[in-house]
Amino acid sequence: MASDANGQGAAPLTSEEVRRLCGDIVDWKVSAILASGAGPDELETCLAWMAGADDVMGEERKPLSGRAAALYDILTADDWDDPDRA
């Protein structure tokens, strides 16, 4: 995969990819993830961290930073103010 200047994947995330990786999440979270500018690698890192994938994180589970941390905040935010919430 080609990389941009930040070392992230050059292909931007799509809403379909976000939903494939994250499952059934509300629309505002998908929009916020796309607006974050994060790439697929950052989303996958965040999801692995959330799942506690120690084989990915290594023995020392370092805190998330940058865009991966922003994605964590988005994905763990409550939906209480979501107008689409049923």
Protein backbone atom coordinates (compact mmCIF):
# COMPACT_ATOMS: atom_id res chain seq x y z
CA MET A 1 0.00 0.00 0.00
CA ALA A 2 1.29 3.44 -0.84
CA SER A 3 1.84 5.90 1.99
CA ASP A 4 1.29 9.60 2.26
CA ALA A 5 3.63 12.07 3.95
CA ASN A 6 2.38 11.00 7.39
CA GLY A 7 3.12 7.34 6.73
CA GLN A 8 -0.57 6.47 6.63
CA GLY A 9 -2.31 4.60 3.86
CA ALA A 10 -2.96 6.84 0.88
CA ALA A 11 -6.51 5.58 0.35
CA PRO A 12 -8.97 7.51 2.54
CA LEU A 13 -11.57 5.68 4.57
CA THR A 14 -15.00 5.28 3.03
CA SER A 15 -18.27 4.97 4.94
CA GLU A 16 -18.57 1.39 3.68
CA GLU A 17 -15.13 0.54 5.06
CA VAL A 18 -15.92 2.17 8.42
CA ARG A 19 -19.13 0.14 8.70
CA ARG A 20 -17.37 -3.06 7.62
CA LEU A 21 -14.69 -2.61 10.29
CA CYS A 22 -16.88 -1.16 13.06
CA GLY A 23 -20.15 -2.96 12.49
CA ASP A 24 -23.50 -1.30 12.97
CA ILE A 25 -22.72 2.17 14.29
CA VAL A 26 -24.80 5.33 14.14
CA ASP A 27 -24.42 7.72 11.23
CA TRP A 28 -22.90 10.59 13.22
CA LYS A 29 -20.04 8.34 14.33
CA VAL A 30 -19.32 7.31 10.74
CA SER A 31 -19.34 10.98 9.72
CA ALA A 32 -17.05 11.94 12.60
CA ILE A 33 -14.61 9.14 11.76
CA LEU A 34 -14.48 10.24 8.12
CA ALA A 35 -14.06 13.89 9.15
CA SER A 36 -11.14 12.98 11.44
CA GLY A 37 -8.92 12.36 8.45
CA ALA A 38 -7.83 9.03 9.90
CA GLY A 39 -6.73 6.25 7.61
CA PRO A 40 -7.61 2.56 7.67
CA ASP A 41 -4.46 1.72 9.66
CA GLU A 42 -5.42 4.16 12.41
CA LEU A 43 -8.95 2.79 12.60
CA GLU A 44 -7.68 -0.78 12.73
CA THR A 45 -5.19 0.18 15.47
CA CYS A 46 -8.00 1.79 17.48
CA LEU A 47 -10.28 -1.23 17.08
CA ALA A 48 -7.49 -3.64 18.05
CA TRP A 49 -6.73 -1.53 21.11
CA MET A 50 -10.43 -1.48 22.07
CA ALA A 51 -10.61 -5.26 21.69
CA GLY A 52 -7.51 -5.69 23.82
CA ALA A 53 -5.60 -7.43 21.04
CA ASP A 54 -2.39 -7.88 22.99
CA ASP A 55 -0.70 -9.69 20.13
CA VAL A 56 -1.05 -6.48 18.11
CA MET A 57 -0.25 -4.09 20.93
CA GLY A 58 2.63 -6.06 22.45
CA GLU A 59 3.23 -6.72 26.11
CA GLU A 60 3.27 -3.06 27.02
CA ARG A 61 -0.14 -1.64 26.14
CA LYS A 62 0.71 1.95 25.28
CA PRO A 63 -1.99 4.61 25.32
CA LEU A 64 -3.48 5.61 22.00
CA SER A 65 -2.44 8.96 20.61
CA GLY A 66 -3.23 11.21 17.67
CA ARG A 67 -6.00 10.20 15.32
CA ALA A 68 -6.32 6.71 16.81
CA ALA A 69 -7.14 8.31 20.18
CA ALA A 70 -9.68 10.60 18.50
CA LEU A 71 -11.31 7.57 16.90
CA TYR A 72 -11.49 5.89 20.30
CA ASP A 73 -13.29 8.94 21.69
CA ILE A 74 -15.76 8.86 18.80
CA LEU A 75 -16.44 5.14 19.03
CA THR A 76 -16.91 5.13 22.80
CA ALA A 77 -19.04 8.28 22.97
CA ASP A 78 -22.58 7.89 24.27
CA ASP A 79 -25.40 8.19 21.79
CA TRP A 80 -27.75 10.02 24.16
CA ASP A 81 -27.82 13.12 21.97
CA ASP A 82 -28.09 11.27 18.66
CA PRO A 83 -31.30 12.34 16.85
CA ASP A 84 -31.44 9.01 14.95
CA ARG A 85 -31.39 6.96 18.13
CA ALA A 86 -34.48 4.81 18.53
